[in-house]
PDB file of N, CA and C in Angstrom:
ATOM      1  N   MET A   1      18.438   8.249 -12.455  1.00  0.00           N
ATOM      2  CA  MET A   1      17.347   8.846 -11.722  1.00  0.00           C
ATOM      3  C   MET A   1      17.147   8.085 -10.417  1.00  0.00           C
ATOM      4  N   ARG A   2      16.988   8.820  -9.355  1.00  0.00           N
ATOM      5  CA  ARG A   2      16.728   8.209  -8.051  1.00  0.00           C
ATOM      6  C   ARG A   2      15.292   8.499  -7.640  1.00  0.00           C
ATOM      7  N   LEU A   3      14.713   7.572  -6.905  1.00  0.00           N
ATOM      8  CA  LEU A   3      13.369   7.763  -6.380  1.00  0.00           C
ATOM      9  C   LEU A   3      13.450   8.355  -4.979  1.00  0.00           C
ATOM     10  N   ASP A   4      12.534   9.236  -4.660  1.00  0.00           N
ATOM     11  CA  ASP A   4      12.445   9.803  -3.325  1.00  0.00           C
ATOM     12  C   ASP A   4      11.735   8.771  -2.448  1.00  0.00           C
ATOM     13  N   VAL A   5      12.482   8.174  -1.520  1.00  0.00           N
ATOM     14  CA  VAL A   5      11.962   7.091  -0.691  1.00  0.00           C
ATOM     15  C   VAL A   5      10.749   7.556   0.108  1.00  0.00           C
ATOM     16  N   ARG A   6      10.842   8.724   0.706  1.00  0.00           N
ATOM     17  CA  ARG A   6       9.745   9.234   1.534  1.00  0.00           C
ATOM     18  C   ARG A   6       8.477   9.469   0.704  1.00  0.00           C
ATOM     19  N   ALA A   7       8.641  10.052  -0.482  1.00  0.00           N
ATOM     20  CA  ALA A   7       7.483  10.343  -1.336  1.00  0.00           C
ATOM     21  C   ALA A   7       6.822   9.057  -1.823  1.00  0.00           C
ATOM     22  N   LEU A   8       7.617   8.081  -2.230  1.00  0.00           N
ATOM     23  CA  LEU A   8       7.040   6.827  -2.707  1.00  0.00           C
ATOM     24  C   LEU A   8       6.392   6.058  -1.564  1.00  0.00           C
ATOM     25  N   ALA A   9       6.986   6.099  -0.394  1.00  0.00           N
ATOM     26  CA  ALA A   9       6.390   5.431   0.769  1.00  0.00           C
ATOM     27  C   ALA A   9       5.038   6.055   1.096  1.00  0.00           C
ATOM     28  N   LEU A  10       4.957   7.368   1.096  1.00  0.00           N
ATOM     29  CA  LEU A  10       3.697   8.047   1.384  1.00  0.00           C
ATOM     30  C   LEU A  10       2.656   7.754   0.300  1.00  0.00           C
ATOM     31  N   THR A  11       3.086   7.746  -0.955  1.00  0.00           N
ATOM     32  CA  THR A  11       2.170   7.462  -2.054  1.00  0.00           C
ATOM     33  C   THR A  11       1.603   6.053  -1.947  1.00  0.00           C
ATOM     34  N   PHE A  12       2.468   5.047  -1.771  1.00  0.00           N
ATOM     35  CA  PHE A  12       1.996   3.670  -1.638  1.00  0.00           C
ATOM     36  C   PHE A  12       1.095   3.529  -0.413  1.00  0.00           C
ATOM     37  N   GLY A  13       1.491   4.142   0.693  1.00  0.00           N
ATOM     38  CA  GLY A  13       0.709   4.042   1.918  1.00  0.00           C
ATOM     39  C   GLY A  13      -0.684   4.618   1.751  1.00  0.00           C
ATOM     40  N   LEU A  14      -0.768   5.799   1.160  1.00  0.00           N
ATOM     41  CA  LEU A  14      -2.079   6.426   0.965  1.00  0.00           C
ATOM     42  C   LEU A  14      -2.944   5.643  -0.014  1.00  0.00           C
ATOM     43  N   LEU A  15      -2.347   5.165  -1.104  1.00  0.00           N
ATOM     44  CA  LEU A  15      -3.122   4.382  -2.069  1.00  0.00           C
ATOM     45  C   LEU A  15      -3.663   3.097  -1.445  1.00  0.00           C
ATOM     46  N   TRP A  16      -2.828   2.402  -0.699  1.00  0.00           N
ATOM     47  CA  TRP A  16      -3.270   1.155  -0.081  1.00  0.00           C
ATOM     48  C   TRP A  16      -4.302   1.427   1.010  1.00  0.00           C
ATOM     49  N   ALA A  17      -4.117   2.470   1.796  1.00  0.00           N
ATOM     50  CA  ALA A  17      -5.063   2.791   2.867  1.00  0.00           C
ATOM     51  C   ALA A  17      -6.424   3.195   2.296  1.00  0.00           C
ATOM     52  N   VAL A  18      -6.441   4.016   1.250  1.00  0.00           N
ATOM     53  CA  VAL A  18      -7.705   4.424   0.643  1.00  0.00           C
ATOM     54  C   VAL A  18      -8.395   3.221   0.001  1.00  0.00           C
ATOM     55  N   SER A  19      -7.624   2.372  -0.664  1.00  0.00           N
ATOM     56  CA  SER A  19      -8.208   1.163  -1.264  1.00  0.00           C
ATOM     57  C   SER A  19      -8.835   0.277  -0.202  1.00  0.00           C
ATOM     58  N   PHE A  20      -8.107   0.073   0.888  1.00  0.00           N
ATOM     59  CA  PHE A  20      -8.634  -0.748   1.978  1.00  0.00           C
ATOM     60  C   PHE A  20      -9.875  -0.103   2.588  1.00  0.00           C
ATOM     61  N   LEU A  21      -9.823   1.196   2.822  1.00  0.00           N
ATOM     62  CA  LEU A  21     -10.951   1.906   3.420  1.00  0.00           C
ATOM     63  C   LEU A  21     -12.205   1.770   2.560  1.00  0.00           C
ATOM     64  N   LEU A  22     -12.062   1.956   1.256  1.00  0.00           N
ATOM     65  CA  LEU A  22     -13.218   1.830   0.372  1.00  0.00           C
ATOM     66  C   LEU A  22     -13.785   0.415   0.384  1.00  0.00           C
ATOM     67  N   MET A  23     -12.910  -0.588   0.360  1.00  0.00           N
ATOM     68  CA  MET A  23     -13.364  -1.977   0.376  1.00  0.00           C
ATOM     69  C   MET A  23     -14.050  -2.303   1.696  1.00  0.00           C
ATOM     70  N   ALA A  24     -13.464  -1.904   2.806  1.00  0.00           N
ATOM     71  CA  ALA A  24     -14.039  -2.206   4.120  1.00  0.00           C
ATOM     72  C   ALA A  24     -15.338  -1.434   4.350  1.00  0.00           C
ATOM     73  N   ALA A  25     -15.409  -0.192   3.879  1.00  0.00           N
ATOM     74  CA  ALA A  25     -16.634   0.585   4.023  1.00  0.00           C
ATOM     75  C   ALA A  25     -17.748  -0.019   3.171  1.00  0.00           C
ATOM     76  N   ALA A  26     -17.412  -0.443   1.966  1.00  0.00           N
ATOM     77  CA  ALA A  26     -18.405  -1.094   1.112  1.00  0.00           C
ATOM     78  C   ALA A  26     -18.904  -2.381   1.758  1.00  0.00           C
ATOM     79  N   ASN A  27     -18.023  -3.084   2.439  1.00  0.00           N
ATOM     80  CA  ASN A  27     -18.419  -4.308   3.137  1.00  0.00           C
ATOM     81  C   ASN A  27     -19.359  -4.010   4.293  1.00  0.00           C
ATOM     82  N   GLN A  28     -19.209  -2.859   4.924  1.00  0.00           N
ATOM     83  CA  GLN A  28     -20.126  -2.487   6.002  1.00  0.00           C
ATOM     84  C   GLN A  28     -21.529  -2.197   5.459  1.00  0.00           C
ATOM     85  N   VAL A  29     -21.588  -1.647   4.253  1.00  0.00           N
ATOM     86  CA  VAL A  29     -22.876  -1.330   3.641  1.00  0.00           C
ATOM     87  C   VAL A  29     -23.500  -2.585   3.022  1.00  0.00           C
ATOM     88  N   TRP A  30     -22.687  -3.342   2.261  1.00  0.00           N
ATOM     89  CA  TRP A  30     -23.126  -4.583   1.620  1.00  0.00           C
ATOM     90  C   TRP A  30     -22.270  -5.713   2.178  1.00  0.00           C
ATOM     91  N   PRO A  31     -22.755  -6.422   3.192  1.00  0.00           N
ATOM     92  CA  PRO A  31     -21.927  -7.401   3.924  1.00  0.00           C
ATOM     93  C   PRO A  31     -21.290  -8.515   3.088  1.00  0.00           C
ATOM     94  N   SER A  32     -21.792  -8.795   1.910  1.00  0.00           N
ATOM     95  CA  SER A  32     -21.176  -9.856   1.111  1.00  0.00           C
ATOM     96  C   SER A  32     -20.066  -9.323   0.198  1.00  0.00           C
ATOM     97  N   TYR A  33     -19.868  -8.006   0.171  1.00  0.00           N
ATOM     98  CA  TYR A  33     -18.892  -7.397  -0.729  1.00  0.00           C
ATOM     99  C   TYR A  33     -17.470  -7.530  -0.172  1.00  0.00           C
ATOM    100  N   GLY A  34     -16.572  -8.090  -0.959  1.00  0.00           N
ATOM    101  CA  GLY A  34     -15.155  -8.144  -0.611  1.00  0.00           C
ATOM    102  C   GLY A  34     -14.800  -9.055   0.544  1.00  0.00           C
ATOM    103  N   THR A  35     -15.609 -10.050   0.812  1.00  0.00           N
ATOM    104  CA  THR A  35     -15.375 -10.890   1.992  1.00  0.00           C
ATOM    105  C   THR A  35     -14.064 -11.670   1.911  1.00  0.00           C
ATOM    106  N   THR A  36     -13.718 -12.150   0.739  1.00  0.00           N
ATOM    107  CA  THR A  36     -12.469 -12.916   0.609  1.00  0.00           C
ATOM    108  C   THR A  36     -11.257 -12.025   0.852  1.00  0.00           C
ATOM    109  N   PHE A  37     -11.254 -10.834   0.264  1.00  0.00           N
ATOM    110  CA  PHE A  37     -10.158  -9.889   0.467  1.00  0.00           C
ATOM    111  C   PHE A  37     -10.040  -9.492   1.934  1.00  0.00           C
ATOM    112  N   LEU A  38     -11.175  -9.204   2.562  1.00  0.00           N
ATOM    113  CA  LEU A  38     -11.146  -8.769   3.959  1.00  0.00           C
ATOM    114  C   LEU A  38     -10.775  -9.916   4.895  1.00  0.00           C
ATOM    115  N   ALA A  39     -11.108 -11.146   4.518  1.00  0.00           N
ATOM    116  CA  ALA A  39     -10.668 -12.301   5.316  1.00  0.00           C
ATOM    117  C   ALA A  39      -9.152 -12.433   5.247  1.00  0.00           C
ATOM    118  N   LEU A  40      -8.567 -12.159   4.087  1.00  0.00           N
ATOM    119  CA  LEU A  40      -7.106 -12.166   3.962  1.00  0.00           C
ATOM    120  C   LEU A  40      -6.491 -11.081   4.853  1.00  0.00           C
ATOM    121  N   CYS A  41      -7.066  -9.888   4.813  1.00  0.00           N
ATOM    122  CA  CYS A  41      -6.568  -8.797   5.663  1.00  0.00           C
ATOM    123  C   CYS A  41      -6.729  -9.142   7.139  1.00  0.00           C
ATOM    124  N   ASP A  42      -7.797  -9.838   7.467  1.00  0.00           N
ATOM    125  CA  ASP A  42      -8.023 -10.272   8.850  1.00  0.00           C
ATOM    126  C   ASP A  42      -6.895 -11.179   9.310  1.00  0.00           C
ATOM    127  N   SER A  43      -6.391 -12.016   8.409  1.00  0.00           N
ATOM    128  CA  SER A  43      -5.304 -12.915   8.799  1.00  0.00           C
ATOM    129  C   SER A  43      -3.950 -12.204   8.847  1.00  0.00           C
ATOM    130  N   LEU A  44      -3.819 -11.062   8.175  1.00  0.00           N
ATOM    131  CA  LEU A  44      -2.548 -10.331   8.141  1.00  0.00           C
ATOM    132  C   LEU A  44      -2.429  -9.255   9.208  1.00  0.00           C
ATOM    133  N   TYR A  45      -3.527  -8.577   9.507  1.00  0.00           N
ATOM    134  CA  TYR A  45      -3.513  -7.429  10.413  1.00  0.00           C
ATOM    135  C   TYR A  45      -4.112  -7.803  11.764  1.00  0.00           C
ATOM    136  N   PRO A  46      -3.285  -7.951  12.795  1.00  0.00           N
ATOM    137  CA  PRO A  46      -3.836  -8.270  14.116  1.00  0.00           C
ATOM    138  C   PRO A  46      -4.712  -7.119  14.623  1.00  0.00           C
ATOM    139  N   GLY A  47      -5.844  -7.464  15.193  1.00  0.00           N
ATOM    140  CA  GLY A  47      -6.755  -6.452  15.695  1.00  0.00           C
ATOM    141  C   GLY A  47      -7.813  -6.046  14.701  1.00  0.00           C
ATOM    142  N   TYR A  48      -7.652  -6.467  13.442  1.00  0.00           N
ATOM    143  CA  TYR A  48      -8.672  -6.162  12.442  1.00  0.00           C
ATOM    144  C   TYR A  48      -9.568  -7.379  12.252  1.00  0.00           C
ATOM    145  N   ALA A  49     -10.854  -7.145  12.229  1.00  0.00           N
ATOM    146  CA  ALA A  49     -11.841  -8.157  11.868  1.00  0.00           C
ATOM    147  C   ALA A  49     -12.947  -7.424  11.127  1.00  0.00           C
ATOM    148  N   PRO A  50     -13.426  -7.981  10.026  1.00  0.00           N
ATOM    149  CA  PRO A  50     -14.430  -7.254   9.242  1.00  0.00           C
ATOM    150  C   PRO A  50     -15.781  -7.169   9.964  1.00  0.00           C
ATOM    151  N   ALA A  51     -15.802  -6.429  11.062  1.00  0.00           N
ATOM    152  CA  ALA A  51     -17.044  -6.253  11.829  1.00  0.00           C
ATOM    153  C   ALA A  51     -17.014  -4.909  12.543  1.00  0.00           C
ATOM    154  N   GLY A  52     -17.752  -3.946  12.031  1.00  0.00           N
ATOM    155  CA  GLY A  52     -17.863  -2.659  12.709  1.00  0.00           C
ATOM    156  C   GLY A  52     -16.926  -1.601  12.154  1.00  0.00           C
ATOM    157  N   TRP A  53     -17.331  -0.353  12.343  1.00  0.00           N
ATOM    158  CA  TRP A  53     -16.566   0.781  11.817  1.00  0.00           C
ATOM    159  C   TRP A  53     -15.260   1.007  12.568  1.00  0.00           C
ATOM    160  N   GLY A  54     -15.204   0.656  13.834  1.00  0.00           N
ATOM    161  CA  GLY A  54     -13.945   0.773  14.571  1.00  0.00           C
ATOM    162  C   GLY A  54     -12.873  -0.118  13.973  1.00  0.00           C
ATOM    163  N   SER A  55     -13.281  -1.307  13.572  1.00  0.00           N
ATOM    164  CA  SER A  55     -12.359  -2.234  12.944  1.00  0.00           C
ATOM    165  C   SER A  55     -11.908  -1.726  11.575  1.00  0.00           C
ATOM    166  N   VAL A  56     -12.802  -1.051  10.862  1.00  0.00           N
ATOM    167  CA  VAL A  56     -12.434  -0.451   9.574  1.00  0.00           C
ATOM    168  C   VAL A  56     -11.328   0.581   9.787  1.00  0.00           C
ATOM    169  N   PHE A  57     -11.441   1.380  10.842  1.00  0.00           N
ATOM    170  CA  PHE A  57     -10.424   2.382  11.155  1.00  0.00           C
ATOM    171  C   PHE A  57      -9.084   1.717  11.482  1.00  0.00           C
ATOM    172  N   VAL A  58      -9.122   0.659  12.296  1.00  0.00           N
ATOM    173  CA  VAL A  58      -7.892  -0.067  12.654  1.00  0.00           C
ATOM    174  C   VAL A  58      -7.247  -0.660  11.405  1.00  0.00           C
ATOM    175  N   GLY A  59      -8.041  -1.283  10.552  1.00  0.00           N
ATOM    176  CA  GLY A  59      -7.509  -1.870   9.322  1.00  0.00           C
ATOM    177  C   GLY A  59      -6.921  -0.832   8.390  1.00  0.00           C
ATOM    178  N   THR A  60      -7.550   0.341   8.327  1.00  0.00           N
ATOM    179  CA  THR A  60      -7.034   1.412   7.476  1.00  0.00           C
ATOM    180  C   THR A  60      -5.681   1.905   7.983  1.00  0.00           C
ATOM    181  N   LEU A  61      -5.527   2.009   9.278  1.00  0.00           N
ATOM    182  CA  LEU A  61      -4.219   2.397   9.832  1.00  0.00           C
ATOM    183  C   LEU A  61      -3.158   1.347   9.525  1.00  0.00           C
ATOM    184  N   TYR A  62      -3.516   0.071   9.684  1.00  0.00           N
ATOM    185  CA  TYR A  62      -2.585  -0.999   9.312  1.00  0.00           C
ATOM    186  C   TYR A  62      -2.208  -0.904   7.834  1.00  0.00           C
ATOM    187  N   ALA A  63      -3.191  -0.651   6.971  1.00  0.00           N
ATOM    188  CA  ALA A  63      -2.926  -0.550   5.537  1.00  0.00           C
ATOM    189  C   ALA A  63      -2.011   0.630   5.229  1.00  0.00           C
ATOM    190  N   LEU A  64      -2.189   1.744   5.928  1.00  0.00           N
ATOM    191  CA  LEU A  64      -1.325   2.907   5.726  1.00  0.00           C
ATOM    192  C   LEU A  64       0.125   2.568   6.074  1.00  0.00           C
ATOM    193  N   VAL A  65       0.325   1.918   7.199  1.00  0.00           N
ATOM    194  CA  VAL A  65       1.684   1.543   7.622  1.00  0.00           C
ATOM    195  C   VAL A  65       2.255   0.490   6.675  1.00  0.00           C
ATOM    196  N   ASP A  66       1.453  -0.512   6.344  1.00  0.00           N
ATOM    197  CA  ASP A  66       1.886  -1.592   5.472  1.00  0.00           C
ATOM    198  C   ASP A  66       2.275  -1.071   4.085  1.00  0.00           C
ATOM    199  N   GLY A  67       1.431  -0.221   3.501  1.00  0.00           N
ATOM    200  CA  GLY A  67       1.726   0.350   2.192  1.00  0.00           C
ATOM    201  C   GLY A  67       2.935   1.260   2.214  1.00  0.00           C
ATOM    202  N   SER A  68       3.105   2.006   3.297  1.00  0.00           N
ATOM    203  CA  SER A  68       4.271   2.893   3.419  1.00  0.00           C
ATOM    204  C   SER A  68       5.565   2.101   3.485  1.00  0.00           C
ATOM    205  N   ILE A  69       5.554   1.032   4.235  1.00  0.00           N
ATOM    206  CA  ILE A  69       6.746   0.179   4.311  1.00  0.00           C
ATOM    207  C   ILE A  69       7.037  -0.427   2.949  1.00  0.00           C
ATOM    208  N   GLY A  70       6.002  -0.903   2.289  1.00  0.00           N
ATOM    209  CA  GLY A  70       6.187  -1.476   0.951  1.00  0.00           C
ATOM    210  C   GLY A  70       6.744  -0.472  -0.037  1.00  0.00           C
ATOM    211  N   GLY A  71       6.223   0.748  -0.030  1.00  0.00           N
ATOM    212  CA  GLY A  71       6.724   1.785  -0.932  1.00  0.00           C
ATOM    213  C   GLY A  71       8.159   2.162  -0.637  1.00  0.00           C
ATOM    214  N   ALA A  72       8.512   2.238   0.641  1.00  0.00           N
ATOM    215  CA  ALA A  72       9.898   2.556   1.011  1.00  0.00           C
ATOM    216  C   ALA A  72      10.847   1.458   0.552  1.00  0.00           C
ATOM    217  N   VAL A  73      10.419   0.211   0.695  1.00  0.00           N
ATOM    218  CA  VAL A  73      11.265  -0.910   0.263  1.00  0.00           C
ATOM    219  C   VAL A  73      11.443  -0.886  -1.254  1.00  0.00           C
ATOM    220  N   VAL A  74      10.368  -0.641  -1.994  1.00  0.00           N
ATOM    221  CA  VAL A  74      10.464  -0.578  -3.461  1.00  0.00           C
ATOM    222  C   VAL A  74      11.427   0.531  -3.880  1.00  0.00           C
ATOM    223  N   ALA A  75      11.298   1.719  -3.302  1.00  0.00           N
ATOM    224  CA  ALA A  75      12.177   2.839  -3.654  1.00  0.00           C
ATOM    225  C   ALA A  75      13.618   2.538  -3.272  1.00  0.00           C
ATOM    226  N   TRP A  76      13.832   1.960  -2.101  1.00  0.00           N
ATOM    227  CA  TRP A  76      15.192   1.656  -1.654  1.00  0.00           C
ATOM    228  C   TRP A  76      15.845   0.631  -2.576  1.00  0.00           C
ATOM    229  N   VAL A  77      15.112  -0.430  -2.919  1.00  0.00           N
ATOM    230  CA  VAL A  77      15.667  -1.460  -3.809  1.00  0.00           C
ATOM    231  C   VAL A  77      15.957  -0.860  -5.176  1.00  0.00           C
ATOM    232  N   TYR A  78      15.039  -0.071  -5.696  1.00  0.00           N
ATOM    233  CA  TYR A  78      15.262   0.573  -6.988  1.00  0.00           C
ATOM    234  C   TYR A  78      16.518   1.433  -6.966  1.00  0.00           C
ATOM    235  N   ASN A  79      16.652   2.262  -5.937  1.00  0.00           N
ATOM    236  CA  ASN A  79      17.820   3.142  -5.838  1.00  0.00           C
ATOM    237  C   ASN A  79      19.106   2.343  -5.722  1.00  0.00           C
ATOM    238  N   ARG A  80      19.081   1.233  -4.992  1.00  0.00           N
ATOM    239  CA  ARG A  80      20.283   0.396  -4.864  1.00  0.00           C
ATOM    240  C   ARG A  80      20.659  -0.236  -6.196  1.00  0.00           C
ATOM    241  N   LEU A  81      19.656  -0.705  -6.946  1.00  0.00           N
ATOM    242  CA  LEU A  81      19.936  -1.358  -8.218  1.00  0.00           C
ATOM    243  C   LEU A  81      20.305  -0.365  -9.311  1.00  0.00           C
ATOM    244  N   ALA A  82      19.804   0.845  -9.231  1.00  0.00           N
ATOM    245  CA  ALA A  82      20.060   1.852 -10.257  1.00  0.00           C
ATOM    246  C   ALA A  82      21.373   2.589 -10.041  1.00  0.00           C
ATOM    247  N   THR A  83      22.013   2.430  -8.902  1.00  0.00           N
ATOM    248  CA  THR A  83      23.261   3.132  -8.611  1.00  0.00           C
ATOM    249  C   THR A  83      24.371   2.627  -9.528  1.00  0.00           C
ATOM    250  N   GLY A  84      25.088   3.558 -10.110  1.00  0.00           N
ATOM    251  CA  GLY A  84      26.234   3.206 -10.933  1.00  0.00           C
ATOM    252  C   GLY A  84      25.893   2.891 -12.374  1.00  0.00           C
ATOM    253  N   ARG A  85      24.660   2.872 -12.712  1.00  0.00           N
ATOM    254  CA  ARG A  85      24.289   2.606 -14.100  1.00  0.00           C
ATOM    255  C   ARG A  85      24.385   3.909 -14.891  1.00  0.00           C
ATOM    256  N   THR A  86      24.921   3.817 -16.068  1.00  0.00           N
ATOM    257  CA  THR A  86      24.994   5.007 -16.917  1.00  0.00           C
ATOM    258  C   THR A  86      23.803   4.990 -17.854  1.00  0.00           C
ATOM    259  N   PRO A  87      23.279   6.156 -18.173  1.00  0.00           N
ATOM    260  CA  PRO A  87      22.135   6.188 -19.086  1.00  0.00           C
ATOM    261  C   PRO A  87      22.539   5.711 -20.467  1.00  0.00           C
ATOM    262  N   ALA A  88      21.585   5.156 -21.173  1.00  0.00           N
ATOM    263  CA  ALA A  88      21.841   4.667 -22.536  1.00  0.00           C
ATOM    264  C   ALA A  88      22.164   5.856 -23.439  1.00  0.00           C
ATOM    265  N   PRO A  89      23.084   5.652 -24.383  1.00  0.00           N
ATOM    266  CA  PRO A  89      23.415   6.757 -25.285  1.00  0.00           C
ATOM    267  C   PRO A  89      22.196   7.115 -26.145  1.00  0.00           C
ATOM    268  N   THR A  90      22.082   8.401 -26.435  1.00  0.00           N
ATOM    269  CA  THR A  90      20.969   8.846 -27.261  1.00  0.00           C
ATOM    270  C   THR A  90      21.445   9.018 -28.695  1.00  0.00           C
ATOM    271  N   ALA A  91      20.553   8.781 -29.625  1.00  0.00           N
ATOM    272  CA  ALA A  91      20.892   8.928 -31.045  1.00  0.00           C
ATOM    273  C   ALA A  91      20.875  10.414 -31.385  1.00  0.00           C
ATOM    274  N   GLU A  92      21.945  10.881 -31.984  1.00  0.00           N
ATOM    275  CA  GLU A  92      22.015  12.276 -32.389  1.00  0.00           C
ATOM    276  C   GLU A  92      21.726  12.376 -33.867  1.00  0.00           C
ATOM    277  N   ALA A  93      20.929  13.360 -34.242  1.00  0.00           N
ATOM    278  CA  ALA A  93      20.549  13.497 -35.651  1.00  0.00           C
ATOM    279  C   ALA A  93      21.558  14.287 -36.436  1.00  0.00           C
TER     280      ALA A  93
END
């Protein structure tokens, strides 16, 4: 079985972007929520700082790209490692 690289990249990207968006939006409403996670994202994503809704939008775009790249890499590595493997024999009754 092969994984569809484009589909997995889009899936990972959307999941990571929505997760980031929810965390950053919650931080805008409750400023003490998720501060450690958002500080980590601040150090990873240039242009993002946990201050203001514009920054939430920038961070969400970074998360979409970051998650998409991660999903594409996972699918590509899986497909490379799974190539040439034969399926396990099934027990016949």
